[in-house]
């Protein structure tokens, strides 16, 4: 493009959209209200889906736009990722986010899967609240696509990112427990050997 004085003007480069994953912090509630594909927890705004961050500076809204094209079909044996949305006496409820290998294609709709107490780990589980926490990001294998039951007994499966039940910040693995970097509280989980690696 040439300006009025015959000098070539440089056009501003478009800023590359930031890709985020479930559990990533995309903003703070002091600056934004929560849009689609995100949730507010203790002042931090987190992504709930894989996608690109979308901001509306005028309305002060921030959210995540999904990257998906056609939604993938869940099959037996698929490795899936999701967010813990509820913990019952014998089952953990998980909002599925995506299938391993199809990270850019969101699972269509609000699909809830479940981890039964018998499918958590090979050893005895006395209390599911010692194995999972609310809003934890989990990785597991689909046992039955019809009932959406998940198995996390494999060493690489389980919680890959956890949040302190008090401070709601991401916890750091310290051997067999997780520690909050802010309040130093320690908590137990069914920790994946992939905890804190790769996707989160």
N, C-alpha and C. Protein backbone atom coordinates (compact mmCIF):
# COMPACT_ATOMS: atom_id res chain seq x y z
N UNK A 1 0.85 -1.19 0.00
CA UNK A 1 0.00 0.00 0.00
C UNK A 1 0.89 1.24 0.00
N UNK A 2 0.51 2.31 -0.79
CA UNK A 2 1.30 3.52 -0.90
C UNK A 2 0.51 4.67 -0.32
N UNK A 3 1.19 5.52 0.50
CA UNK A 3 0.47 6.65 1.10
C UNK A 3 0.47 7.84 0.15
N UNK A 4 -0.06 8.96 0.62
CA UNK A 4 -0.20 10.13 -0.24
C UNK A 4 1.11 10.70 -0.71
N UNK A 5 2.21 10.44 -0.05
CA UNK A 5 3.51 10.98 -0.41
C UNK A 5 4.33 10.01 -1.25
N UNK A 6 3.68 8.91 -1.66
CA UNK A 6 4.37 7.94 -2.50
C UNK A 6 5.27 7.00 -1.76
N UNK A 7 5.14 6.97 -0.43
CA UNK A 7 5.96 6.09 0.39
C UNK A 7 5.16 4.85 0.74
N UNK A 8 5.78 3.70 0.57
CA UNK A 8 5.09 2.45 0.87
C UNK A 8 4.81 2.37 2.36
N UNK A 9 3.55 2.18 2.70
CA UNK A 9 3.16 2.07 4.11
C UNK A 9 3.05 0.61 4.48
N UNK A 10 3.53 0.28 5.64
CA UNK A 10 3.45 -1.11 6.10
C UNK A 10 2.14 -1.33 6.83
N UNK A 11 1.45 -2.40 6.49
CA UNK A 11 0.21 -2.74 7.16
C UNK A 11 0.51 -3.48 8.45
N UNK A 12 -0.27 -3.20 9.50
CA UNK A 12 -0.03 -3.88 10.77
C UNK A 12 -0.27 -5.37 10.64
N UNK A 13 0.60 -6.14 11.26
CA UNK A 13 0.46 -7.59 11.21
C UNK A 13 -0.65 -8.05 12.14
N UNK A 14 -1.45 -8.99 11.66
CA UNK A 14 -2.53 -9.52 12.50
C UNK A 14 -1.92 -10.37 13.60
N UNK A 15 -2.40 -10.15 14.83
CA UNK A 15 -1.88 -10.91 15.96
C UNK A 15 -2.37 -12.36 15.88
N UNK A 16 -1.48 -13.29 16.06
CA UNK A 16 -1.84 -14.70 15.97
C UNK A 16 -2.72 -15.09 17.16
N UNK A 17 -3.82 -15.75 16.85
CA UNK A 17 -4.74 -16.16 17.91
C UNK A 17 -4.06 -17.19 18.81
N UNK A 18 -4.27 -17.06 20.10
CA UNK A 18 -3.65 -17.96 21.07
C UNK A 18 -4.52 -19.20 21.26
N UNK A 19 -3.93 -20.37 21.07
CA UNK A 19 -4.65 -21.62 21.28
C UNK A 19 -4.51 -22.05 22.73
N UNK A 20 -5.63 -22.41 23.34
CA UNK A 20 -5.62 -22.82 24.74
C UNK A 20 -6.29 -24.18 24.90
N UNK A 21 -6.06 -24.80 26.04
CA UNK A 21 -6.61 -26.11 26.38
C UNK A 21 -7.41 -26.00 27.67
N UNK A 22 -8.28 -26.98 27.95
CA UNK A 22 -9.05 -26.94 29.20
C UNK A 22 -8.14 -26.79 30.42
N UNK A 23 -8.48 -25.85 31.28
CA UNK A 23 -7.69 -25.62 32.48
C UNK A 23 -6.69 -24.49 32.37
N UNK A 24 -6.45 -24.01 31.14
CA UNK A 24 -5.54 -22.87 30.96
C UNK A 24 -6.20 -21.58 31.44
N UNK A 25 -5.43 -20.72 32.11
CA UNK A 25 -5.95 -19.42 32.52
C UNK A 25 -5.91 -18.47 31.32
N UNK A 26 -7.05 -17.84 31.02
CA UNK A 26 -7.11 -16.92 29.88
C UNK A 26 -7.31 -15.47 30.30
N UNK A 27 -7.59 -15.25 31.57
CA UNK A 27 -7.80 -13.89 32.05
C UNK A 27 -8.16 -13.87 33.52
N UNK A 28 -8.44 -12.67 34.03
CA UNK A 28 -8.87 -12.53 35.42
C UNK A 28 -10.18 -11.77 35.47
N UNK A 29 -11.00 -12.07 36.47
CA UNK A 29 -12.34 -11.49 36.56
C UNK A 29 -12.32 -10.00 36.87
N UNK A 30 -11.18 -9.47 37.33
CA UNK A 30 -11.07 -8.03 37.57
C UNK A 30 -11.09 -7.26 36.25
N UNK A 31 -10.68 -7.93 35.17
CA UNK A 31 -10.60 -7.27 33.87
C UNK A 31 -11.69 -7.69 32.90
N UNK A 32 -12.22 -8.92 33.07
CA UNK A 32 -13.19 -9.44 32.11
C UNK A 32 -14.37 -10.13 32.80
N UNK A 33 -15.46 -10.22 32.07
CA UNK A 33 -16.53 -11.13 32.45
C UNK A 33 -16.36 -12.38 31.59
N UNK A 34 -16.93 -13.49 32.03
CA UNK A 34 -16.70 -14.78 31.38
C UNK A 34 -17.63 -14.99 30.19
N UNK A 35 -17.04 -15.35 29.06
CA UNK A 35 -17.81 -15.65 27.86
C UNK A 35 -17.95 -17.15 27.66
N UNK A 36 -18.33 -17.54 26.45
CA UNK A 36 -18.52 -18.96 26.14
C UNK A 36 -17.17 -19.68 26.14
N UNK A 37 -17.21 -20.96 26.56
CA UNK A 37 -16.01 -21.78 26.56
C UNK A 37 -15.06 -21.48 27.70
N UNK A 38 -15.59 -20.86 28.78
CA UNK A 38 -14.74 -20.50 29.91
C UNK A 38 -15.54 -20.51 31.20
N UNK A 39 -14.83 -20.54 32.34
CA UNK A 39 -15.49 -20.43 33.63
C UNK A 39 -14.61 -19.62 34.58
N UNK A 40 -15.27 -19.00 35.55
CA UNK A 40 -14.59 -18.15 36.54
C UNK A 40 -14.48 -18.90 37.85
N UNK A 41 -13.26 -18.98 38.39
CA UNK A 41 -13.04 -19.67 39.66
C UNK A 41 -12.05 -18.85 40.49
N UNK A 42 -12.55 -18.25 41.57
CA UNK A 42 -11.71 -17.50 42.51
C UNK A 42 -10.89 -16.40 41.82
N UNK A 43 -11.53 -15.70 40.90
CA UNK A 43 -10.87 -14.56 40.26
C UNK A 43 -10.12 -14.87 38.98
N UNK A 44 -9.86 -16.15 38.70
CA UNK A 44 -9.21 -16.54 37.45
C UNK A 44 -10.24 -17.07 36.47
N UNK A 45 -10.06 -16.76 35.20
CA UNK A 45 -10.95 -17.27 34.15
C UNK A 45 -10.20 -18.36 33.40
N UNK A 46 -10.80 -19.56 33.38
CA UNK A 46 -10.16 -20.74 32.78
C UNK A 46 -10.90 -21.17 31.51
N UNK A 47 -10.15 -21.73 30.58
CA UNK A 47 -10.75 -22.33 29.38
C UNK A 47 -11.38 -23.66 29.74
N UNK A 48 -12.53 -23.96 29.14
CA UNK A 48 -13.17 -25.26 29.34
C UNK A 48 -13.06 -26.14 28.10
N UNK A 49 -12.62 -25.55 26.99
CA UNK A 49 -12.52 -26.29 25.73
C UNK A 49 -11.20 -25.97 25.04
N UNK A 50 -10.87 -26.77 24.03
CA UNK A 50 -9.73 -26.47 23.17
C UNK A 50 -10.18 -25.43 22.16
N UNK A 51 -9.42 -24.37 22.01
CA UNK A 51 -9.81 -23.35 21.05
C UNK A 51 -8.91 -22.14 21.10
N UNK A 52 -9.39 -21.05 20.52
CA UNK A 52 -8.65 -19.80 20.51
C UNK A 52 -9.34 -18.77 21.39
N UNK A 53 -8.53 -17.97 22.06
CA UNK A 53 -9.07 -16.95 22.97
C UNK A 53 -9.74 -15.84 22.15
N UNK A 54 -10.96 -15.48 22.57
CA UNK A 54 -11.71 -14.42 21.91
C UNK A 54 -12.01 -13.33 22.94
N UNK A 55 -11.61 -12.10 22.63
CA UNK A 55 -11.83 -10.98 23.54
C UNK A 55 -12.73 -9.93 22.90
N UNK A 56 -13.59 -9.33 23.71
CA UNK A 56 -14.40 -8.19 23.30
C UNK A 56 -14.03 -7.04 24.22
N UNK A 57 -13.07 -6.17 23.80
CA UNK A 57 -12.59 -5.10 24.68
C UNK A 57 -13.69 -4.13 25.11
N UNK A 58 -14.66 -3.88 24.23
CA UNK A 58 -15.72 -2.93 24.57
C UNK A 58 -16.62 -3.47 25.67
N UNK A 59 -17.02 -4.73 25.52
CA UNK A 59 -17.90 -5.34 26.52
C UNK A 59 -17.12 -5.98 27.66
N UNK A 60 -15.78 -6.02 27.51
CA UNK A 60 -14.90 -6.60 28.53
C UNK A 60 -15.26 -8.07 28.80
N UNK A 61 -15.45 -8.81 27.71
CA UNK A 61 -15.79 -10.23 27.79
C UNK A 61 -14.66 -11.04 27.16
N UNK A 62 -14.32 -12.17 27.80
CA UNK A 62 -13.30 -13.06 27.24
C UNK A 62 -13.82 -14.49 27.28
N UNK A 63 -13.55 -15.23 26.21
CA UNK A 63 -14.00 -16.62 26.13
C UNK A 63 -13.11 -17.40 25.19
N UNK A 64 -13.57 -18.58 24.80
CA UNK A 64 -12.80 -19.45 23.91
C UNK A 64 -13.68 -19.93 22.76
N UNK A 65 -13.20 -19.75 21.55
CA UNK A 65 -13.90 -20.23 20.36
C UNK A 65 -13.34 -21.60 20.01
N UNK A 66 -14.21 -22.62 19.89
CA UNK A 66 -13.72 -23.98 19.60
C UNK A 66 -13.04 -24.08 18.24
N UNK A 67 -12.07 -24.98 18.15
CA UNK A 67 -11.33 -25.19 16.91
C UNK A 67 -11.97 -26.24 16.02
N UNK A 68 -12.98 -26.91 16.54
CA UNK A 68 -13.49 -28.11 15.88
C UNK A 68 -14.12 -27.83 14.52
N UNK A 69 -14.05 -28.83 13.67
CA UNK A 69 -14.78 -28.85 12.41
C UNK A 69 -15.91 -29.86 12.60
N UNK A 70 -15.71 -31.08 12.11
CA UNK A 70 -16.70 -32.13 12.36
C UNK A 70 -16.35 -32.81 13.68
N UNK A 71 -17.34 -33.02 14.55
CA UNK A 71 -17.04 -33.65 15.84
C UNK A 71 -16.61 -35.10 15.68
N UNK A 72 -15.62 -35.55 16.45
CA UNK A 72 -15.17 -36.93 16.36
C UNK A 72 -16.15 -37.89 17.02
N UNK A 73 -16.10 -39.14 16.61
CA UNK A 73 -16.96 -40.17 17.19
C UNK A 73 -16.16 -40.91 18.25
N UNK A 74 -16.75 -41.05 19.43
CA UNK A 74 -16.07 -41.73 20.53
C UNK A 74 -16.17 -43.24 20.36
N UNK A 75 -15.01 -43.93 20.44
CA UNK A 75 -14.96 -45.37 20.27
C UNK A 75 -14.34 -46.04 21.49
N UNK A 76 -14.60 -47.33 21.65
CA UNK A 76 -13.99 -48.09 22.72
C UNK A 76 -12.46 -48.03 22.60
N UNK A 77 -11.79 -47.77 23.70
CA UNK A 77 -10.34 -47.70 23.70
C UNK A 77 -9.78 -46.32 23.46
N UNK A 78 -10.63 -45.37 23.06
CA UNK A 78 -10.16 -44.00 22.85
C UNK A 78 -9.63 -43.41 24.16
N UNK A 79 -8.56 -42.65 24.06
CA UNK A 79 -8.05 -41.91 25.21
C UNK A 79 -8.69 -40.52 25.18
N UNK A 80 -9.36 -40.18 26.26
CA UNK A 80 -10.10 -38.92 26.30
C UNK A 80 -9.61 -38.03 27.44
N UNK A 81 -9.90 -36.76 27.29
CA UNK A 81 -9.57 -35.76 28.31
C UNK A 81 -10.85 -35.03 28.70
N UNK A 82 -10.93 -34.65 29.96
CA UNK A 82 -12.12 -33.94 30.40
C UNK A 82 -11.92 -33.29 31.76
N UNK A 83 -12.97 -32.61 32.21
CA UNK A 83 -12.94 -31.88 33.47
C UNK A 83 -13.91 -32.50 34.46
N UNK A 84 -13.46 -32.74 35.68
CA UNK A 84 -14.33 -33.31 36.72
C UNK A 84 -15.40 -32.29 37.09
N UNK A 85 -16.66 -32.69 36.93
CA UNK A 85 -17.78 -31.79 37.22
C UNK A 85 -18.59 -32.22 38.44
N UNK A 86 -18.33 -33.43 38.94
CA UNK A 86 -19.06 -33.90 40.11
C UNK A 86 -18.42 -35.15 40.68
N UNK A 87 -18.53 -35.30 42.00
CA UNK A 87 -17.98 -36.49 42.68
C UNK A 87 -19.05 -37.06 43.59
N UNK A 88 -19.51 -38.27 43.26
CA UNK A 88 -20.51 -38.96 44.05
C UNK A 88 -19.83 -40.02 44.91
N UNK A 89 -20.63 -40.81 45.62
CA UNK A 89 -20.05 -41.83 46.50
C UNK A 89 -19.34 -42.93 45.72
N UNK A 90 -19.85 -43.27 44.54
CA UNK A 90 -19.26 -44.38 43.79
C UNK A 90 -18.89 -44.04 42.35
N UNK A 91 -19.05 -42.78 41.97
CA UNK A 91 -18.76 -42.41 40.59
C UNK A 91 -18.29 -40.95 40.51
N UNK A 92 -17.38 -40.71 39.57
CA UNK A 92 -16.90 -39.36 39.28
C UNK A 92 -17.47 -38.94 37.92
N UNK A 93 -18.07 -37.77 37.85
CA UNK A 93 -18.65 -37.27 36.61
C UNK A 93 -17.63 -36.39 35.90
N UNK A 94 -17.52 -36.59 34.59
CA UNK A 94 -16.51 -35.88 33.80
C UNK A 94 -17.15 -35.27 32.56
N UNK A 95 -16.94 -33.97 32.36
CA UNK A 95 -17.35 -33.31 31.13
C UNK A 95 -16.24 -33.52 30.11
N UNK A 96 -16.53 -34.31 29.07
CA UNK A 96 -15.50 -34.63 28.08
C UNK A 96 -15.15 -33.41 27.23
N UNK A 97 -13.86 -33.25 26.94
CA UNK A 97 -13.39 -32.12 26.14
C UNK A 97 -12.94 -32.57 24.74
N UNK A 98 -12.04 -33.56 24.68
CA UNK A 98 -11.57 -34.01 23.38
C UNK A 98 -10.95 -35.40 23.48
N UNK A 99 -10.73 -35.99 22.31
CA UNK A 99 -10.12 -37.31 22.19
C UNK A 99 -8.66 -37.13 21.80
N UNK A 100 -7.77 -37.91 22.40
CA UNK A 100 -6.35 -37.83 22.04
C UNK A 100 -6.18 -38.12 20.55
N UNK A 101 -5.43 -37.27 19.89
CA UNK A 101 -5.25 -37.40 18.45
C UNK A 101 -6.20 -36.53 17.67
N UNK A 102 -7.24 -36.02 18.34
CA UNK A 102 -8.22 -35.12 17.71
C UNK A 102 -8.39 -33.87 18.56
N UNK A 103 -7.26 -33.33 19.03
CA UNK A 103 -7.30 -32.18 19.94
C UNK A 103 -7.96 -30.95 19.32
N UNK A 104 -7.92 -30.84 17.99
CA UNK A 104 -8.50 -29.67 17.33
C UNK A 104 -9.96 -29.86 16.96
N UNK A 105 -10.53 -30.99 17.35
CA UNK A 105 -11.94 -31.26 17.03
C UNK A 105 -12.68 -31.54 18.33
N UNK A 106 -13.45 -30.56 18.77
CA UNK A 106 -14.18 -30.70 20.03
C UNK A 106 -15.26 -31.76 19.92
N UNK A 107 -15.50 -32.47 21.02
CA UNK A 107 -16.61 -33.40 21.09
C UNK A 107 -17.90 -32.59 21.07
N UNK A 108 -18.84 -32.97 20.24
CA UNK A 108 -20.07 -32.19 20.06
C UNK A 108 -20.93 -32.21 21.31
N UNK A 109 -21.46 -31.03 21.66
CA UNK A 109 -22.42 -30.95 22.77
C UNK A 109 -21.78 -31.11 24.13
N UNK A 110 -22.64 -31.10 25.14
CA UNK A 110 -22.18 -31.30 26.51
C UNK A 110 -22.27 -32.79 26.82
N UNK A 111 -21.17 -33.51 26.69
CA UNK A 111 -21.16 -34.95 26.90
C UNK A 111 -20.52 -35.27 28.24
N UNK A 112 -21.29 -35.94 29.08
CA UNK A 112 -20.79 -36.30 30.40
C UNK A 112 -20.46 -37.79 30.45
N UNK A 113 -19.26 -38.08 30.91
CA UNK A 113 -18.82 -39.47 31.08
C UNK A 113 -18.69 -39.75 32.57
N UNK A 114 -18.36 -40.99 32.91
CA UNK A 114 -18.28 -41.36 34.32
C UNK A 114 -17.13 -42.32 34.57
N UNK A 115 -16.50 -42.14 35.73
CA UNK A 115 -15.47 -43.06 36.20
C UNK A 115 -16.03 -43.76 37.43
N UNK A 116 -16.32 -45.05 37.31
CA UNK A 116 -16.84 -45.80 38.46
C UNK A 116 -15.70 -46.09 39.42
N UNK A 117 -16.02 -46.20 40.69
CA UNK A 117 -15.00 -46.43 41.72
C UNK A 117 -14.15 -47.67 41.42
N UNK A 118 -14.73 -48.65 40.75
CA UNK A 118 -14.00 -49.89 40.43
C UNK A 118 -13.02 -49.71 39.27
N UNK A 119 -13.12 -48.58 38.56
CA UNK A 119 -12.26 -48.33 37.41
C UNK A 119 -11.25 -47.21 37.64
N UNK A 120 -11.07 -46.81 38.89
CA UNK A 120 -10.15 -45.71 39.20
C UNK A 120 -8.70 -46.17 39.19
N UNK A 121 -8.40 -47.20 39.98
CA UNK A 121 -7.05 -47.75 40.04
C UNK A 121 -7.12 -49.20 40.49
N UNK A 122 -6.00 -49.90 40.41
CA UNK A 122 -6.01 -51.33 40.70
C UNK A 122 -6.12 -51.63 42.19
N UNK A 123 -5.70 -50.70 43.02
CA UNK A 123 -5.81 -50.89 44.47
C UNK A 123 -7.16 -50.37 44.97
N UNK A 124 -7.48 -50.67 46.23
CA UNK A 124 -8.77 -50.31 46.82
C UNK A 124 -8.92 -48.80 46.95
N UNK A 125 -10.12 -48.31 46.63
CA UNK A 125 -10.43 -46.89 46.77
C UNK A 125 -11.46 -46.72 47.88
N UNK A 126 -11.08 -46.02 48.94
CA UNK A 126 -11.98 -45.83 50.08
C UNK A 126 -12.86 -44.60 49.92
N UNK A 127 -12.34 -43.58 49.24
CA UNK A 127 -13.08 -42.33 49.08
C UNK A 127 -12.65 -41.66 47.78
N UNK A 128 -13.61 -41.46 46.87
CA UNK A 128 -13.28 -40.87 45.58
C UNK A 128 -12.75 -39.44 45.70
N UNK A 129 -13.07 -38.77 46.79
CA UNK A 129 -12.59 -37.40 46.98
C UNK A 129 -11.10 -37.35 47.28
N UNK A 130 -10.52 -38.53 47.56
CA UNK A 130 -9.07 -38.62 47.74
C UNK A 130 -8.36 -38.87 46.40
N UNK A 131 -9.16 -39.18 45.37
CA UNK A 131 -8.61 -39.54 44.06
C UNK A 131 -8.81 -38.44 43.01
N UNK A 132 -9.87 -37.65 43.18
CA UNK A 132 -10.21 -36.60 42.21
C UNK A 132 -10.72 -35.37 42.95
N UNK A 133 -10.58 -34.21 42.31
CA UNK A 133 -11.09 -32.97 42.86
C UNK A 133 -11.92 -32.24 41.81
N UNK A 134 -12.80 -31.37 42.27
CA UNK A 134 -13.65 -30.60 41.36
C UNK A 134 -12.80 -29.74 40.42
N UNK A 135 -13.12 -29.81 39.13
CA UNK A 135 -12.44 -29.09 38.05
C UNK A 135 -11.06 -29.64 37.70
N UNK A 136 -10.68 -30.78 38.28
CA UNK A 136 -9.45 -31.45 37.85
C UNK A 136 -9.55 -31.81 36.37
N UNK A 137 -8.42 -31.77 35.69
CA UNK A 137 -8.35 -32.24 34.30
C UNK A 137 -7.87 -33.68 34.33
N UNK A 138 -8.63 -34.59 33.69
CA UNK A 138 -8.29 -36.01 33.75
C UNK A 138 -8.04 -36.59 32.35
N UNK A 139 -7.32 -37.70 32.36
CA UNK A 139 -7.05 -38.46 31.14
C UNK A 139 -7.44 -39.90 31.42
N UNK A 140 -8.18 -40.52 30.51
CA UNK A 140 -8.60 -41.90 30.73
C UNK A 140 -8.97 -42.60 29.44
N UNK A 141 -9.29 -43.88 29.56
CA UNK A 141 -9.63 -44.71 28.39
C UNK A 141 -11.11 -45.05 28.41
N UNK A 142 -11.75 -44.94 27.25
CA UNK A 142 -13.17 -45.28 27.13
C UNK A 142 -13.35 -46.79 27.20
N UNK A 143 -14.12 -47.24 28.19
CA UNK A 143 -14.45 -48.67 28.30
C UNK A 143 -15.64 -49.03 27.43
N UNK A 144 -16.65 -48.16 27.45
CA UNK A 144 -17.89 -48.43 26.73
C UNK A 144 -18.41 -47.12 26.15
N UNK A 145 -18.39 -46.96 24.82
CA UNK A 145 -18.86 -45.71 24.22
C UNK A 145 -20.35 -45.47 24.39
N UNK A 146 -21.11 -46.53 24.63
CA UNK A 146 -22.56 -46.38 24.80
C UNK A 146 -22.89 -45.74 26.14
N UNK A 147 -22.21 -46.20 27.20
CA UNK A 147 -22.47 -45.65 28.54
C UNK A 147 -21.44 -44.60 28.95
N UNK A 148 -20.40 -44.42 28.09
CA UNK A 148 -19.34 -43.45 28.34
C UNK A 148 -18.66 -43.66 29.69
N UNK A 149 -18.33 -44.91 29.97
CA UNK A 149 -17.56 -45.21 31.18
C UNK A 149 -16.07 -45.11 30.87
N UNK A 150 -15.34 -44.49 31.80
CA UNK A 150 -13.91 -44.25 31.64
C UNK A 150 -13.12 -45.08 32.64
N UNK A 151 -11.98 -45.58 32.20
CA UNK A 151 -11.06 -46.31 33.08
C UNK A 151 -9.78 -45.49 33.25
N UNK A 152 -9.30 -45.37 34.50
CA UNK A 152 -8.06 -44.62 34.76
C UNK A 152 -7.02 -45.48 35.49
N UNK A 153 -7.13 -46.80 35.37
CA UNK A 153 -6.21 -47.68 36.11
C UNK A 153 -4.79 -47.67 35.57
N UNK A 154 -4.62 -47.35 34.29
CA UNK A 154 -3.27 -47.31 33.70
C UNK A 154 -2.45 -46.20 34.37
N UNK A 155 -1.14 -46.44 34.57
CA UNK A 155 -0.29 -45.42 35.23
C UNK A 155 -0.32 -44.05 34.56
N UNK A 156 -0.51 -44.01 33.23
CA UNK A 156 -0.52 -42.73 32.53
C UNK A 156 -1.88 -42.04 32.59
N UNK A 157 -2.87 -42.75 33.16
CA UNK A 157 -4.22 -42.18 33.23
C UNK A 157 -4.54 -41.71 34.64
N UNK A 158 -5.47 -40.78 34.72
CA UNK A 158 -5.83 -40.19 36.01
C UNK A 158 -5.81 -38.68 35.90
N UNK A 159 -5.46 -38.02 36.98
CA UNK A 159 -5.44 -36.55 37.01
C UNK A 159 -4.14 -36.03 36.39
N UNK A 160 -4.28 -35.17 35.37
CA UNK A 160 -3.10 -34.59 34.73
C UNK A 160 -2.91 -33.12 35.13
N UNK A 161 -3.94 -32.55 35.74
CA UNK A 161 -3.81 -31.20 36.31
C UNK A 161 -4.86 -31.06 37.40
N UNK A 162 -4.43 -30.63 38.58
CA UNK A 162 -5.35 -30.49 39.71
C UNK A 162 -5.26 -29.08 40.28
N UNK A 163 -6.34 -28.68 40.93
CA UNK A 163 -6.40 -27.35 41.53
C UNK A 163 -6.62 -27.48 43.03
N UNK A 164 -5.91 -26.67 43.78
CA UNK A 164 -6.02 -26.67 45.24
C UNK A 164 -7.47 -26.43 45.65
N UNK A 165 -7.99 -27.27 46.54
CA UNK A 165 -9.38 -27.14 46.96
C UNK A 165 -9.62 -25.87 47.78
N UNK A 166 -8.54 -25.26 48.24
CA UNK A 166 -8.66 -24.02 49.03
C UNK A 166 -8.40 -22.78 48.17
N UNK A 167 -7.25 -22.77 47.47
CA UNK A 167 -6.84 -21.59 46.71
C UNK A 167 -7.29 -21.60 45.24
N UNK A 168 -7.64 -22.79 44.74
CA UNK A 168 -8.06 -22.97 43.35
C UNK A 168 -6.95 -22.68 42.34
N UNK A 169 -5.70 -22.82 42.76
CA UNK A 169 -4.58 -22.65 41.83
C UNK A 169 -4.01 -24.01 41.48
N UNK A 170 -3.30 -24.08 40.35
CA UNK A 170 -2.72 -25.35 39.92
C UNK A 170 -1.72 -25.88 40.92
N UNK A 171 -1.79 -27.19 41.18
CA UNK A 171 -0.93 -27.81 42.17
C UNK A 171 0.30 -28.45 41.52
N UNK A 172 1.37 -28.55 42.30
CA UNK A 172 2.64 -29.11 41.84
C UNK A 172 2.83 -30.50 42.43
N UNK A 173 3.30 -31.42 41.60
CA UNK A 173 3.51 -32.78 42.09
C UNK A 173 4.76 -32.86 42.96
N UNK A 174 4.60 -33.46 44.14
CA UNK A 174 5.71 -33.73 45.04
C UNK A 174 5.64 -35.20 45.43
N UNK A 175 6.35 -36.03 44.64
CA UNK A 175 6.33 -37.49 44.81
C UNK A 175 4.92 -38.03 44.64
N UNK A 176 4.31 -38.55 45.71
CA UNK A 176 2.99 -39.17 45.59
C UNK A 176 1.83 -38.25 45.97
N UNK A 177 2.14 -37.00 46.27
CA UNK A 177 1.08 -36.05 46.62
C UNK A 177 1.22 -34.80 45.76
N UNK A 178 0.22 -33.91 45.87
CA UNK A 178 0.25 -32.64 45.16
C UNK A 178 0.31 -31.52 46.19
N UNK A 179 1.06 -30.48 45.87
CA UNK A 179 1.22 -29.37 46.81
C UNK A 179 0.82 -28.06 46.15
N UNK A 180 0.10 -27.24 46.91
CA UNK A 180 -0.30 -25.92 46.43
C UNK A 180 0.89 -24.96 46.57
N UNK A 181 1.27 -24.27 45.50
CA UNK A 181 2.40 -23.35 45.58
C UNK A 181 2.11 -22.09 46.40
N UNK A 182 0.84 -21.85 46.70
CA UNK A 182 0.49 -20.65 47.46
C UNK A 182 0.32 -20.92 48.95
N UNK A 183 -0.55 -21.89 49.30
CA UNK A 183 -0.81 -22.14 50.72
C UNK A 183 -0.04 -23.35 51.26
N UNK A 184 0.67 -24.07 50.36
CA UNK A 184 1.47 -25.25 50.70
C UNK A 184 0.62 -26.41 51.21
N UNK A 185 -0.66 -26.36 50.95
CA UNK A 185 -1.55 -27.46 51.30
C UNK A 185 -1.20 -28.66 50.42
N UNK A 186 -1.23 -29.87 50.99
CA UNK A 186 -1.01 -31.08 50.20
C UNK A 186 -2.31 -31.85 50.06
N UNK A 187 -2.50 -32.43 48.90
CA UNK A 187 -3.70 -33.22 48.62
C UNK A 187 -3.31 -34.47 47.85
N UNK A 188 -4.16 -35.48 47.94
CA UNK A 188 -3.93 -36.72 47.20
C UNK A 188 -4.83 -36.78 45.98
N UNK A 189 -4.37 -37.48 44.96
CA UNK A 189 -5.13 -37.71 43.74
C UNK A 189 -4.70 -39.05 43.15
N UNK A 190 -5.48 -39.54 42.19
CA UNK A 190 -5.03 -40.65 41.35
C UNK A 190 -4.21 -39.95 40.27
N UNK A 191 -2.93 -39.76 40.55
CA UNK A 191 -2.08 -38.92 39.71
C UNK A 191 -1.58 -39.69 38.49
N UNK A 192 -1.77 -39.11 37.32
CA UNK A 192 -1.22 -39.67 36.09
C UNK A 192 0.29 -39.46 36.05
N UNK A 193 1.01 -40.40 35.45
CA UNK A 193 2.45 -40.22 35.28
C UNK A 193 2.75 -39.08 34.30
N UNK A 194 1.71 -38.63 33.59
CA UNK A 194 1.84 -37.50 32.66
C UNK A 194 1.45 -36.19 33.33
N UNK A 195 1.30 -36.19 34.65
CA UNK A 195 0.86 -34.98 35.35
C UNK A 195 1.76 -33.79 35.02
N UNK A 196 1.11 -32.70 34.60
CA UNK A 196 1.84 -31.47 34.31
C UNK A 196 2.62 -31.47 33.02
N UNK A 197 2.46 -32.51 32.20
CA UNK A 197 3.23 -32.60 30.95
C UNK A 197 2.32 -32.35 29.74
N UNK A 198 2.90 -31.81 28.72
CA UNK A 198 2.25 -31.75 27.42
C UNK A 198 1.04 -30.86 27.32
N UNK A 199 -0.16 -31.46 27.43
CA UNK A 199 -1.37 -30.75 27.09
C UNK A 199 -1.77 -29.67 28.07
N UNK A 200 -1.33 -29.76 29.32
CA UNK A 200 -1.75 -28.76 30.31
C UNK A 200 -0.55 -28.18 31.03
